[in-house]
Amino acid sequence: LRHPDEHADTIAGCISTSQDTGGGQAGHIRLRFRLHVEDPLDDMFARCLPDPHLGHGYPALDLNVLLSDLSIISSSASVLIAPVNKLREMGYDHITIVWIALLLLIWYPIHVLPTVLALV
C-alpha cells in the first residue's frame, strides 16, 4: 500500500479514478466495496447519523482521583447503612403487607400510584 498522503489512496482519489492505473503497483491490493441493504430507506437513515466520535473527550483516568472518589462514596454510603438496616428489619416484620402492596402496585399501577401520591 502507498503512503496515505498520496492522492490516489485517499477516498476522493479513489472516486476520481475509476480504472486501475496499472504500472508501478506491484504488491498493492485494490478493494471495492458494494453496499447492499434490504430496504433503501435504511440507507437513507444511516446517512443521517453523525460521524463517529474519535475518543470520548474525557480526561485520562487518574488512579488517585478514582480512589479519593471511591472513599468519599464509601463514607457517604456508610451513613445510610443504619437507616436501611432498620427499614429492612421493619420489612421483615411486615413481609405479608409489603408483598401485597408490591403486587397491587405491579398489577394496577394506574390506580395505586395516584392513591399513594395523594396520601403522601
PDB file of N, CA and C in Angstrom:
ATOM      1  N   LEU A   1       0.839  -1.187   0.000  1.00  0.00           N
ATOM      2  CA  LEU A   1       0.000   0.000   0.000  1.00  0.00           C
ATOM      3  C   LEU A   1       0.877   1.240   0.000  1.00  0.00           C
ATOM      4  N   ARG A   2       0.385   2.268  -0.623  1.00  0.00           N
ATOM      5  CA  ARG A   2       1.132   3.518  -0.700  1.00  0.00           C
ATOM      6  C   ARG A   2       0.919   4.365   0.534  1.00  0.00           C
ATOM      7  N   HIS A   3       1.707   5.410   0.647  1.00  0.00           N
ATOM      8  CA  HIS A   3       1.618   6.336   1.772  1.00  0.00           C
ATOM      9  C   HIS A   3       0.267   7.040   1.747  1.00  0.00           C
ATOM     10  N   PRO A   4      -0.346   7.272   2.921  1.00  0.00           N
ATOM     11  CA  PRO A   4      -1.686   7.887   2.955  1.00  0.00           C
ATOM     12  C   PRO A   4      -1.744   9.297   2.393  1.00  0.00           C
ATOM     13  N   ASP A   5      -0.612   9.972   2.314  1.00  0.00           N
ATOM     14  CA  ASP A   5      -0.629  11.331   1.787  1.00  0.00           C
ATOM     15  C   ASP A   5      -0.790  11.379   0.273  1.00  0.00           C
ATOM     16  N   GLU A   6      -0.596  10.258  -0.398  1.00  0.00           N
ATOM     17  CA  GLU A   6      -0.739  10.248  -1.850  1.00  0.00           C
ATOM     18  C   GLU A   6      -2.215  10.337  -2.205  1.00  0.00           C
ATOM     19  N   HIS A   7      -2.509  11.167  -3.184  1.00  0.00           N
ATOM     20  CA  HIS A   7      -3.900  11.467  -3.517  1.00  0.00           C
ATOM     21  C   HIS A   7      -4.664  10.255  -4.023  1.00  0.00           C
ATOM     22  N   ALA A   8      -4.012   9.343  -4.721  1.00  0.00           N
ATOM     23  CA  ALA A   8      -4.720   8.197  -5.297  1.00  0.00           C
ATOM     24  C   ALA A   8      -5.219   7.241  -4.221  1.00  0.00           C
ATOM     25  N   ASP A   9      -4.629   7.261  -3.029  1.00  0.00           N
ATOM     26  CA  ASP A   9      -5.071   6.355  -1.972  1.00  0.00           C
ATOM     27  C   ASP A   9      -6.096   6.976  -1.037  1.00  0.00           C
ATOM     28  N   THR A  10      -6.447   8.232  -1.242  1.00  0.00           N
ATOM     29  CA  THR A  10      -7.490   8.836  -0.417  1.00  0.00           C
ATOM     30  C   THR A  10      -8.857   8.488  -1.000  1.00  0.00           C
ATOM     31  N   ILE A  11      -9.889   8.757  -0.259  1.00  0.00           N
ATOM     32  CA  ILE A  11     -11.239   8.449  -0.732  1.00  0.00           C
ATOM     33  C   ILE A  11     -11.566   9.249  -1.984  1.00  0.00           C
ATOM     34  N   ALA A  12     -11.227  10.538  -1.963  1.00  0.00           N
ATOM     35  CA  ALA A  12     -11.504  11.372  -3.136  1.00  0.00           C
ATOM     36  C   ALA A  12     -10.716  10.885  -4.345  1.00  0.00           C
ATOM     37  N   GLY A  13      -9.482  10.449  -4.130  1.00  0.00           N
ATOM     38  CA  GLY A  13      -8.671   9.956  -5.235  1.00  0.00           C
ATOM     39  C   GLY A  13      -9.206   8.656  -5.791  1.00  0.00           C
ATOM     40  N   CYS A  14      -9.694   7.768  -4.928  1.00  0.00           N
ATOM     41  CA  CYS A  14     -10.264   6.503  -5.402  1.00  0.00           C
ATOM     42  C   CYS A  14     -11.544   6.734  -6.188  1.00  0.00           C
ATOM     43  N   ILE A  15     -12.327   7.729  -5.784  1.00  0.00           N
ATOM     44  CA  ILE A  15     -13.564   8.017  -6.501  1.00  0.00           C
ATOM     45  C   ILE A  15     -13.260   8.623  -7.861  1.00  0.00           C
ATOM     46  N   SER A  16     -12.235   9.492  -7.933  1.00  0.00           N
ATOM     47  CA  SER A  16     -11.926  10.170  -9.191  1.00  0.00           C
ATOM     48  C   SER A  16     -11.298   9.232 -10.214  1.00  0.00           C
ATOM     49  N   THR A  17     -10.601   8.208  -9.776  1.00  0.00           N
ATOM     50  CA  THR A  17     -10.011   7.254 -10.719  1.00  0.00           C
ATOM     51  C   THR A  17     -10.831   5.989 -10.710  1.00  0.00           C
ATOM     52  N   SER A  18     -11.537   5.731 -11.800  1.00  0.00           N
ATOM     53  CA  SER A  18     -12.406   4.562 -11.863  1.00  0.00           C
ATOM     54  C   SER A  18     -11.709   3.360 -12.474  1.00  0.00           C
ATOM     55  N   GLN A  19     -10.537   3.539 -13.074  1.00  0.00           N
ATOM     56  CA  GLN A  19      -9.831   2.410 -13.666  1.00  0.00           C
ATOM     57  C   GLN A  19      -8.481   2.232 -12.997  1.00  0.00           C
ATOM     58  N   ASP A  20      -7.953   1.052 -13.092  1.00  0.00           N
ATOM     59  CA  ASP A  20      -6.661   0.745 -12.498  1.00  0.00           C
ATOM     60  C   ASP A  20      -5.564   1.453 -13.292  1.00  0.00           C
ATOM     61  N   THR A  21      -4.643   2.098 -12.572  1.00  0.00           N
ATOM     62  CA  THR A  21      -3.595   2.856 -13.256  1.00  0.00           C
ATOM     63  C   THR A  21      -2.493   1.953 -13.790  1.00  0.00           C
ATOM     64  N   GLY A  22      -2.427   0.707 -13.344  1.00  0.00           N
ATOM     65  CA  GLY A  22      -1.511  -0.243 -13.952  1.00  0.00           C
ATOM     66  C   GLY A  22      -0.134  -0.252 -13.355  1.00  0.00           C
ATOM     67  N   GLY A  23       0.879   0.238 -14.099  1.00  0.00           N
ATOM     68  CA  GLY A  23       2.288   0.074 -13.761  1.00  0.00           C
ATOM     69  C   GLY A  23       2.694   0.650 -12.422  1.00  0.00           C
ATOM     70  N   GLY A  24       3.694   0.017 -11.811  1.00  0.00           N
ATOM     71  CA  GLY A  24       4.251   0.503 -10.563  1.00  0.00           C
ATOM     72  C   GLY A  24       3.437   0.177  -9.338  1.00  0.00           C
ATOM     73  N   GLN A  25       2.469  -0.703  -9.468  1.00  0.00           N
ATOM     74  CA  GLN A  25       1.628  -1.014  -8.321  1.00  0.00           C
ATOM     75  C   GLN A  25       1.755  -2.472  -7.906  1.00  0.00           C
ATOM     76  N   ALA A  26       2.905  -3.049  -8.124  1.00  0.00           N
ATOM     77  CA  ALA A  26       3.111  -4.439  -7.739  1.00  0.00           C
ATOM     78  C   ALA A  26       3.007  -4.558  -6.220  1.00  0.00           C
ATOM     79  N   GLY A  27       2.275  -5.545  -5.758  1.00  0.00           N
ATOM     80  CA  GLY A  27       2.108  -5.752  -4.321  1.00  0.00           C
ATOM     81  C   GLY A  27       0.980  -4.951  -3.716  1.00  0.00           C
ATOM     82  N   HIS A  28       0.275  -4.191  -4.500  1.00  0.00           N
ATOM     83  CA  HIS A  28      -0.835  -3.388  -3.999  1.00  0.00           C
ATOM     84  C   HIS A  28      -2.127  -4.190  -4.074  1.00  0.00           C
ATOM     85  N   ILE A  29      -3.016  -3.923  -3.172  1.00  0.00           N
ATOM     86  CA  ILE A  29      -4.327  -4.571  -3.147  1.00  0.00           C
ATOM     87  C   ILE A  29      -5.371  -3.517  -3.470  1.00  0.00           C
ATOM     88  N   ARG A  30      -6.201  -3.828  -4.436  1.00  0.00           N
ATOM     89  CA  ARG A  30      -7.278  -2.907  -4.790  1.00  0.00           C
ATOM     90  C   ARG A  30      -8.592  -3.520  -4.325  1.00  0.00           C
ATOM     91  N   LEU A  31      -9.273  -2.840  -3.424  1.00  0.00           N
ATOM     92  CA  LEU A  31     -10.526  -3.329  -2.869  1.00  0.00           C
ATOM     93  C   LEU A  31     -11.678  -2.502  -3.395  1.00  0.00           C
ATOM     94  N   ARG A  32     -12.787  -3.168  -3.630  1.00  0.00           N
ATOM     95  CA  ARG A  32     -14.013  -2.471  -3.992  1.00  0.00           C
ATOM     96  C   ARG A  32     -15.073  -2.852  -2.979  1.00  0.00           C
ATOM     97  N   PHE A  33     -15.884  -1.885  -2.626  1.00  0.00           N
ATOM     98  CA  PHE A  33     -16.916  -2.093  -1.621  1.00  0.00           C
ATOM     99  C   PHE A  33     -18.264  -1.824  -2.259  1.00  0.00           C
ATOM    100  N   ARG A  34     -19.175  -2.753  -2.082  1.00  0.00           N
ATOM    101  CA  ARG A  34     -20.526  -2.570  -2.602  1.00  0.00           C
ATOM    102  C   ARG A  34     -21.495  -2.740  -1.443  1.00  0.00           C
ATOM    103  N   LEU A  35     -22.246  -1.723  -1.163  1.00  0.00           N
ATOM    104  CA  LEU A  35     -23.215  -1.750  -0.077  1.00  0.00           C
ATOM    105  C   LEU A  35     -24.567  -2.179  -0.628  1.00  0.00           C
ATOM    106  N   HIS A  36     -25.125  -3.195   0.011  1.00  0.00           N
ATOM    107  CA  HIS A  36     -26.458  -3.647  -0.373  1.00  0.00           C
ATOM    108  C   HIS A  36     -27.300  -3.724   0.890  1.00  0.00           C
ATOM    109  N   VAL A  37     -28.395  -3.018   0.917  1.00  0.00           N
ATOM    110  CA  VAL A  37     -29.300  -3.043   2.062  1.00  0.00           C
ATOM    111  C   VAL A  37     -30.643  -3.584   1.603  1.00  0.00           C
ATOM    112  N   GLU A  38     -31.357  -4.201   2.543  1.00  0.00           N
ATOM    113  CA  GLU A  38     -32.668  -4.768   2.224  1.00  0.00           C
ATOM    114  C   GLU A  38     -33.652  -3.682   1.805  1.00  0.00           C
ATOM    115  N   ASP A  39     -33.663  -2.608   2.584  1.00  0.00           N
ATOM    116  CA  ASP A  39     -34.605  -1.520   2.340  1.00  0.00           C
ATOM    117  C   ASP A  39     -33.806  -0.243   2.088  1.00  0.00           C
ATOM    118  N   PRO A  40     -33.960   0.412   0.951  1.00  0.00           N
ATOM    119  CA  PRO A  40     -33.191   1.636   0.683  1.00  0.00           C
ATOM    120  C   PRO A  40     -33.447   2.746   1.708  1.00  0.00           C
ATOM    121  N   LEU A  41     -34.587   2.684   2.378  1.00  0.00           N
ATOM    122  CA  LEU A  41     -34.886   3.675   3.403  1.00  0.00           C
ATOM    123  C   LEU A  41     -33.909   3.561   4.572  1.00  0.00           C
ATOM    124  N   ASP A  42     -33.444   2.315   4.870  1.00  0.00           N
ATOM    125  CA  ASP A  42     -32.467   2.121   5.929  1.00  0.00           C
ATOM    126  C   ASP A  42     -31.171   2.857   5.622  1.00  0.00           C
ATOM    127  N   ASP A  43     -30.760   2.823   4.347  1.00  0.00           N
ATOM    128  CA  ASP A  43     -29.540   3.520   3.946  1.00  0.00           C
ATOM    129  C   ASP A  43     -29.697   5.025   4.120  1.00  0.00           C
ATOM    130  N   MET A  44     -30.885   5.546   3.828  1.00  0.00           N
ATOM    131  CA  MET A  44     -31.109   6.975   3.990  1.00  0.00           C
ATOM    132  C   MET A  44     -30.984   7.381   5.460  1.00  0.00           C
ATOM    133  N   PHE A  45     -31.565   6.572   6.356  1.00  0.00           N
ATOM    134  CA  PHE A  45     -31.470   6.894   7.776  1.00  0.00           C
ATOM    135  C   PHE A  45     -30.049   6.760   8.284  1.00  0.00           C
ATOM    136  N   ALA A  46     -29.297   5.801   7.755  1.00  0.00           N
ATOM    137  CA  ALA A  46     -27.901   5.639   8.157  1.00  0.00           C
ATOM    138  C   ALA A  46     -27.075   6.850   7.745  1.00  0.00           C
ATOM    139  N   ARG A  47     -27.397   7.466   6.633  1.00  0.00           N
ATOM    140  CA  ARG A  47     -26.665   8.661   6.198  1.00  0.00           C
ATOM    141  C   ARG A  47     -26.988   9.881   7.064  1.00  0.00           C
ATOM    142  N   CYS A  48     -28.111   9.833   7.781  1.00  0.00           N
ATOM    143  CA  CYS A  48     -28.477  10.940   8.658  1.00  0.00           C
ATOM    144  C   CYS A  48     -27.724  10.907   9.987  1.00  0.00           C
ATOM    145  N   LEU A  49     -27.078   9.779  10.310  1.00  0.00           N
ATOM    146  CA  LEU A  49     -26.330   9.683  11.554  1.00  0.00           C
ATOM    147  C   LEU A  49     -25.074  10.544  11.493  1.00  0.00           C
ATOM    148  N   PRO A  50     -24.645  11.090  12.615  1.00  0.00           N
ATOM    149  CA  PRO A  50     -23.425  11.898  12.604  1.00  0.00           C
ATOM    150  C   PRO A  50     -22.187  11.011  12.448  1.00  0.00           C
ATOM    151  N   ASP A  51     -21.068  11.631  12.119  1.00  0.00           N
ATOM    152  CA  ASP A  51     -19.809  10.899  12.031  1.00  0.00           C
ATOM    153  C   ASP A  51     -19.458  10.329  13.393  1.00  0.00           C
ATOM    154  N   PRO A  52     -18.790   9.182  13.432  1.00  0.00           N
ATOM    155  CA  PRO A  52     -18.430   8.603  14.735  1.00  0.00           C
ATOM    156  C   PRO A  52     -17.421   9.479  15.457  1.00  0.00           C
ATOM    157  N   HIS A  53     -17.522   9.483  16.770  1.00  0.00           N
ATOM    158  CA  HIS A  53     -16.596  10.265  17.571  1.00  0.00           C
ATOM    159  C   HIS A  53     -15.302   9.495  17.737  1.00  0.00           C
ATOM    160  N   LEU A  54     -14.217  10.182  17.627  1.00  0.00           N
ATOM    161  CA  LEU A  54     -12.918   9.569  17.865  1.00  0.00           C
ATOM    162  C   LEU A  54     -12.471   9.970  19.256  1.00  0.00           C
ATOM    163  N   GLY A  55     -12.726   9.124  20.214  1.00  0.00           N
ATOM    164  CA  GLY A  55     -12.417   9.452  21.605  1.00  0.00           C
ATOM    165  C   GLY A  55     -13.647   9.998  22.288  1.00  0.00           C
ATOM    166  N   HIS A  56     -13.660   9.941  23.589  1.00  0.00           N
ATOM    167  CA  HIS A  56     -14.843  10.351  24.338  1.00  0.00           C
ATOM    168  C   HIS A  56     -14.723  11.744  24.907  1.00  0.00           C
ATOM    169  N   GLY A  57     -13.560  12.357  24.866  1.00  0.00           N
ATOM    170  CA  GLY A  57     -13.411  13.721  25.338  1.00  0.00           C
ATOM    171  C   GLY A  57     -13.187  13.859  26.826  1.00  0.00           C
ATOM    172  N   TYR A  58     -13.164  12.747  27.550  1.00  0.00           N
ATOM    173  CA  TYR A  58     -12.927  12.804  28.979  1.00  0.00           C
ATOM    174  C   TYR A  58     -11.424  12.797  29.255  1.00  0.00           C
ATOM    175  N   PRO A  59     -11.009  13.379  30.380  1.00  0.00           N
ATOM    176  CA  PRO A  59      -9.579  13.330  30.700  1.00  0.00           C
ATOM    177  C   PRO A  59      -9.139  11.899  31.012  1.00  0.00           C
ATOM    178  N   ALA A  60      -7.846  11.684  30.955  1.00  0.00           N
ATOM    179  CA  ALA A  60      -7.308  10.351  31.238  1.00  0.00           C
ATOM    180  C   ALA A  60      -7.630   9.952  32.679  1.00  0.00           C
ATOM    181  N   LEU A  61      -7.812   8.670  32.885  1.00  0.00           N
ATOM    182  CA  LEU A  61      -8.167   8.161  34.209  1.00  0.00           C
ATOM    183  C   LEU A  61      -6.979   8.300  35.153  1.00  0.00           C
ATOM    184  N   ASP A  62      -7.224   8.940  36.295  1.00  0.00           N
ATOM    185  CA  ASP A  62      -6.187   9.126  37.303  1.00  0.00           C
ATOM    186  C   ASP A  62      -6.547   8.259  38.499  1.00  0.00           C
ATOM    187  N   LEU A  63      -5.643   7.361  38.878  1.00  0.00           N
ATOM    188  CA  LEU A  63      -5.925   6.408  39.942  1.00  0.00           C
ATOM    189  C   LEU A  63      -6.124   7.108  41.288  1.00  0.00           C
ATOM    190  N   ASN A  64      -5.364   8.168  41.560  1.00  0.00           N
ATOM    191  CA  ASN A  64      -5.523   8.886  42.834  1.00  0.00           C
ATOM    192  C   ASN A  64      -6.901   9.527  42.945  1.00  0.00           C
ATOM    193  N   VAL A  65      -7.358  10.137  41.864  1.00  0.00           N
ATOM    194  CA  VAL A  65      -8.686  10.763  41.870  1.00  0.00           C
ATOM    195  C   VAL A  65      -9.764   9.694  42.018  1.00  0.00           C
ATOM    196  N   LEU A  66      -9.578   8.566  41.338  1.00  0.00           N
ATOM    197  CA  LEU A  66     -10.549   7.481  41.436  1.00  0.00           C
ATOM    198  C   LEU A  66     -10.649   6.944  42.863  1.00  0.00           C
ATOM    199  N   LEU A  67      -9.529   6.736  43.508  1.00  0.00           N
ATOM    200  CA  LEU A  67      -9.544   6.236  44.883  1.00  0.00           C
ATOM    201  C   LEU A  67     -10.137   7.250  45.853  1.00  0.00           C
ATOM    202  N   SER A  68      -9.864   8.534  45.644  1.00  0.00           N
ATOM    203  CA  SER A  68     -10.449   9.547  46.528  1.00  0.00           C
ATOM    204  C   SER A  68     -11.970   9.613  46.340  1.00  0.00           C
ATOM    205  N   ASP A  69     -12.430   9.497  45.084  1.00  0.00           N
ATOM    206  CA  ASP A  69     -13.878   9.477  44.836  1.00  0.00           C
ATOM    207  C   ASP A  69     -14.529   8.260  45.478  1.00  0.00           C
ATOM    208  N   LEU A  70     -13.863   7.119  45.380  1.00  0.00           N
ATOM    209  CA  LEU A  70     -14.413   5.909  45.992  1.00  0.00           C
ATOM    210  C   LEU A  70     -14.480   6.024  47.507  1.00  0.00           C
ATOM    211  N   SER A  71     -13.481   6.653  48.127  1.00  0.00           N
ATOM    212  CA  SER A  71     -13.516   6.806  49.576  1.00  0.00           C
ATOM    213  C   SER A  71     -14.636   7.758  49.999  1.00  0.00           C
ATOM    214  N   ILE A  72     -14.882   8.805  49.208  1.00  0.00           N
ATOM    215  CA  ILE A  72     -15.984   9.728  49.510  1.00  0.00           C
ATOM    216  C   ILE A  72     -17.328   9.009  49.394  1.00  0.00           C
ATOM    217  N   ILE A  73     -17.492   8.211  48.340  1.00  0.00           N
ATOM    218  CA  ILE A  73     -18.739   7.465  48.153  1.00  0.00           C
ATOM    219  C   ILE A  73     -18.918   6.444  49.265  1.00  0.00           C
ATOM    220  N   SER A  74     -17.839   5.793  49.654  1.00  0.00           N
ATOM    221  CA  SER A  74     -17.916   4.796  50.723  1.00  0.00           C
ATOM    222  C   SER A  74     -18.315   5.427  52.045  1.00  0.00           C
ATOM    223  N   SER A  75     -17.752   6.591  52.364  1.00  0.00           N
ATOM    224  CA  SER A  75     -18.119   7.252  53.618  1.00  0.00           C
ATOM    225  C   SER A  75     -19.570   7.739  53.582  1.00  0.00           C
ATOM    226  N   SER A  76     -20.030   8.194  52.422  1.00  0.00           N
ATOM    227  CA  SER A  76     -21.429   8.618  52.307  1.00  0.00           C
ATOM    228  C   SER A  76     -22.374   7.430  52.424  1.00  0.00           C
ATOM    229  N   ALA A  77     -21.974   6.303  51.854  1.00  0.00           N
ATOM    230  CA  ALA A  77     -22.822   5.114  51.923  1.00  0.00           C
ATOM    231  C   ALA A  77     -22.868   4.535  53.328  1.00  0.00           C
ATOM    232  N   SER A  78     -21.778   4.677  54.080  1.00  0.00           N
ATOM    233  CA  SER A  78     -21.772   4.135  55.441  1.00  0.00           C
ATOM    234  C   SER A  78     -22.750   4.876  56.353  1.00  0.00           C
ATOM    235  N   VAL A  79     -23.060   6.124  56.038  1.00  0.00           N
ATOM    236  CA  VAL A  79     -24.044   6.881  56.809  1.00  0.00           C
ATOM    237  C   VAL A  79     -25.439   6.293  56.615  1.00  0.00           C
ATOM    238  N   LEU A  80     -25.700   5.726  55.424  1.00  0.00           N
ATOM    239  CA  LEU A  80     -27.030   5.202  55.114  1.00  0.00           C
ATOM    240  C   LEU A  80     -27.251   3.772  55.588  1.00  0.00           C
ATOM    241  N   ILE A  81     -26.220   3.104  56.074  1.00  0.00           N
ATOM    242  CA  ILE A  81     -26.353   1.687  56.430  1.00  0.00           C
ATOM    243  C   ILE A  81     -27.348   1.483  57.575  1.00  0.00           C
ATOM    244  N   ALA A  82     -27.276   2.277  58.639  1.00  0.00           N
ATOM    245  CA  ALA A  82     -28.168   2.097  59.794  1.00  0.00           C
ATOM    246  C   ALA A  82     -29.640   2.298  59.427  1.00  0.00           C
ATOM    247  N   PRO A  83     -30.018   3.392  58.725  1.00  0.00           N
ATOM    248  CA  PRO A  83     -31.439   3.524  58.361  1.00  0.00           C
ATOM    249  C   PRO A  83     -31.932   2.425  57.417  1.00  0.00           C
ATOM    250  N   VAL A  84     -31.086   1.982  56.511  1.00  0.00           N
ATOM    251  CA  VAL A  84     -31.503   0.929  55.582  1.00  0.00           C
ATOM    252  C   VAL A  84     -31.706  -0.380  56.334  1.00  0.00           C
ATOM    253  N   ASN A  85     -30.823  -0.688  57.273  1.00  0.00           N
ATOM    254  CA  ASN A  85     -30.996  -1.908  58.067  1.00  0.00           C
ATOM    255  C   ASN A  85     -32.269  -1.855  58.907  1.00  0.00           C
ATOM    256  N   LYS A  86     -32.592  -0.669  59.413  1.00  0.00           N
ATOM    257  CA  LYS A  86     -33.815  -0.514  60.209  1.00  0.00           C
ATOM    258  C   LYS A  86     -35.054  -0.743  59.336  1.00  0.00           C
ATOM    259  N   LEU A  87     -35.049  -0.188  58.126  1.00  0.00           N
ATOM    260  CA  LEU A  87     -36.172  -0.399  57.202  1.00  0.00           C
ATOM    261  C   LEU A  87     -36.287  -1.865  56.798  1.00  0.00           C
ATOM    262  N   ARG A  88     -35.149  -2.523  56.610  1.00  0.00           N
ATOM    263  CA  ARG A  88     -35.169  -3.932  56.242  1.00  0.00           C
ATOM    264  C   ARG A  88     -35.776  -4.780  57.358  1.00  0.00           C
ATOM    265  N   GLU A  89     -35.419  -4.489  58.607  1.00  0.00           N
ATOM    266  CA  GLU A  89     -35.993  -5.228  59.729  1.00  0.00           C
ATOM    267  C   GLU A  89     -37.500  -4.990  59.835  1.00  0.00           C
ATOM    268  N   MET A  90     -37.927  -3.740  59.616  1.00  0.00           N
ATOM    269  CA  MET A  90     -39.361  -3.453  59.633  1.00  0.00           C
ATOM    270  C   MET A  90     -40.066  -4.185  58.499  1.00  0.00           C
ATOM    271  N   GLY A  91     -39.414  -4.277  57.350  1.00  0.00           N
ATOM    272  CA  GLY A  91     -39.997  -5.001  56.221  1.00  0.00           C
ATOM    273  C   GLY A  91     -40.133  -6.474  56.506  1.00  0.00           C
ATOM    274  N   TYR A  92     -39.142  -7.060  57.172  1.00  0.00           N
ATOM    275  CA  TYR A  92     -39.227  -8.475  57.535  1.00  0.00           C
ATOM    276  C   TYR A  92     -40.348  -8.729  58.545  1.00  0.00           C
ATOM    277  N   ASP A  93     -40.595  -7.770  59.430  1.00  0.00           N
ATOM    278  CA  ASP A  93     -41.670  -7.936  60.411  1.00  0.00           C
ATOM    279  C   ASP A  93     -43.048  -7.912  59.754  1.00  0.00           C
ATOM    280  N   HIS A  94     -43.166  -7.159  58.675  1.00  0.00           N
ATOM    281  CA  HIS A  94     -44.456  -6.987  57.997  1.00  0.00           C
ATOM    282  C   HIS A  94     -44.355  -7.441  56.539  1.00  0.00           C
ATOM    283  N   ILE A  95     -43.756  -8.587  56.290  1.00  0.00           N
ATOM    284  CA  ILE A  95     -43.463  -9.032  54.933  1.00  0.00           C
ATOM    285  C   ILE A  95     -44.722  -9.297  54.109  1.00  0.00           C
ATOM    286  N   THR A  96     -45.795  -9.767  54.758  1.00  0.00           N
ATOM    287  CA  THR A  96     -47.024 -10.049  54.016  1.00  0.00           C
ATOM    288  C   THR A  96     -47.626  -8.765  53.460  1.00  0.00           C
ATOM    289  N   ILE A  97     -47.659  -7.739  54.258  1.00  0.00           N
ATOM    290  CA  ILE A  97     -48.204  -6.452  53.814  1.00  0.00           C
ATOM    291  C   ILE A  97     -47.337  -5.851  52.704  1.00  0.00           C
ATOM    292  N   VAL A  98     -46.036  -6.011  52.840  1.00  0.00           N
ATOM    293  CA  VAL A  98     -45.126  -5.491  51.812  1.00  0.00           C
ATOM    294  C   VAL A  98     -45.366  -6.199  50.488  1.00  0.00           C
ATOM    295  N   TRP A  99     -45.492  -7.524  50.493  1.00  0.00           N
ATOM    296  CA  TRP A  99     -45.732  -8.269  49.256  1.00  0.00           C
ATOM    297  C   TRP A  99     -47.070  -7.901  48.628  1.00  0.00           C
ATOM    298  N   ILE A 100     -48.102  -7.779  49.438  1.00  0.00           N
ATOM    299  CA  ILE A 100     -49.411  -7.410  48.894  1.00  0.00           C
ATOM    300  C   ILE A 100     -49.358  -6.028  48.257  1.00  0.00           C
ATOM    301  N   ALA A 101     -48.686  -5.091  48.923  1.00  0.00           N
ATOM    302  CA  ALA A 101     -48.572  -3.738  48.369  1.00  0.00           C
ATOM    303  C   ALA A 101     -47.793  -3.752  47.057  1.00  0.00           C
ATOM    304  N   LEU A 102     -46.715  -4.510  46.997  1.00  0.00           N
ATOM    305  CA  LEU A 102     -45.931  -4.566  45.764  1.00  0.00           C
ATOM    306  C   LEU A 102     -46.702  -5.240  44.628  1.00  0.00           C
ATOM    307  N   LEU A 103     -47.430  -6.302  44.934  1.00  0.00           N
ATOM    308  CA  LEU A 103     -48.224  -6.956  43.898  1.00  0.00           C
ATOM    309  C   LEU A 103     -49.323  -6.038  43.368  1.00  0.00           C
ATOM    310  N   LEU A 104     -49.988  -5.313  44.258  1.00  0.00           N
ATOM    311  CA  LEU A 104     -51.008  -4.359  43.800  1.00  0.00           C
ATOM    312  C   LEU A 104     -50.383  -3.256  42.951  1.00  0.00           C
ATOM    313  N   LEU A 105     -49.200  -2.815  43.349  1.00  0.00           N
ATOM    314  CA  LEU A 105     -48.524  -1.775  42.578  1.00  0.00           C
ATOM    315  C   LEU A 105     -48.165  -2.266  41.182  1.00  0.00           C
ATOM    316  N   ILE A 106     -47.767  -3.531  41.080  1.00  0.00           N
ATOM    317  CA  ILE A 106     -47.407  -4.082  39.773  1.00  0.00           C
ATOM    318  C   ILE A 106     -48.647  -4.353  38.928  1.00  0.00           C
ATOM    319  N   TRP A 107     -49.708  -4.897  39.528  1.00  0.00           N
ATOM    320  CA  TRP A 107     -50.896  -5.252  38.763  1.00  0.00           C
ATOM    321  C   TRP A 107     -51.744  -4.040  38.375  1.00  0.00           C
ATOM    322  N   TYR A 108     -51.833  -3.053  39.244  1.00  0.00           N
ATOM    323  CA  TYR A 108     -52.701  -1.895  38.996  1.00  0.00           C
ATOM    324  C   TYR A 108     -51.929  -0.587  39.217  1.00  0.00           C
ATOM    325  N   PRO A 109     -50.902  -0.299  38.430  1.00  0.00           N
ATOM    326  CA  PRO A 109     -50.110   0.906  38.698  1.00  0.00           C
ATOM    327  C   PRO A 109     -50.885   2.205  38.460  1.00  0.00           C
ATOM    328  N   ILE A 110     -51.836   2.183  37.535  1.00  0.00           N
ATOM    329  CA  ILE A 110     -52.588   3.411  37.229  1.00  0.00           C
ATOM    330  C   ILE A 110     -53.471   3.810  38.407  1.00  0.00           C
ATOM    331  N   HIS A 111     -53.976   2.839  39.158  1.00  0.00           N
ATOM    332  CA  HIS A 111     -54.861   3.133  40.282  1.00  0.00           C
ATOM    333  C   HIS A 111     -54.095   3.314  41.588  1.00  0.00           C
ATOM    334  N   VAL A 112     -52.993   2.595  41.767  1.00  0.00           N
ATOM    335  CA  VAL A 112     -52.287   2.603  43.040  1.00  0.00           C
ATOM    336  C   VAL A 112     -51.383   3.845  43.178  1.00  0.00           C
ATOM    337  N   LEU A 113     -50.676   4.190  42.129  1.00  0.00           N
ATOM    338  CA  LEU A 113     -49.732   5.314  42.236  1.00  0.00           C
ATOM    339  C   LEU A 113     -50.402   6.635  42.581  1.00  0.00           C
ATOM    340  N   PRO A 114     -51.522   7.034  41.933  1.00  0.00           N
ATOM    341  CA  PRO A 114     -52.156   8.295  42.351  1.00  0.00           C
ATOM    342  C   PRO A 114     -52.654   8.272  43.798  1.00  0.00           C
ATOM    343  N   THR A 115     -53.101   7.100  44.250  1.00  0.00           N
ATOM    344  CA  THR A 115     -53.563   6.984  45.635  1.00  0.00           C
ATOM    345  C   THR A 115     -52.416   7.166  46.611  1.00  0.00           C
ATOM    346  N   VAL A 116     -51.296   6.524  46.329  1.00  0.00           N
ATOM    347  CA  VAL A 116     -50.128   6.636  47.191  1.00  0.00           C
ATOM    348  C   VAL A 116     -49.608   8.078  47.190  1.00  0.00           C
ATOM    349  N   LEU A 117     -49.582   8.706  46.029  1.00  0.00           N
ATOM    350  CA  LEU A 117     -49.094  10.094  45.962  1.00  0.00           C
ATOM    351  C   LEU A 117     -50.046  11.058  46.667  1.00  0.00           C
ATOM    352  N   ALA A 118     -51.341  10.745  46.646  1.00  0.00           N
ATOM    353  CA  ALA A 118     -52.304  11.604  47.357  1.00  0.00           C
ATOM    354  C   ALA A 118     -52.132  11.474  48.868  1.00  0.00           C
ATOM    355  N   LEU A 119     -51.769  10.280  49.338  1.00  0.00           N
ATOM    356  CA  LEU A 119     -51.555  10.080  50.774  1.00  0.00           C
ATOM    357  C   LEU A 119     -50.277  10.738  51.262  1.00  0.00           C
ATOM    358  N   VAL A 120     -49.297  10.840  50.396  1.00  0.00           N
ATOM    359  CA  VAL A 120     -48.016  11.425  50.795  1.00  0.00           C
ATOM    360  C   VAL A 120     -48.133  12.896  50.681  1.00  0.00           C
TER     361      VAL A 120
END
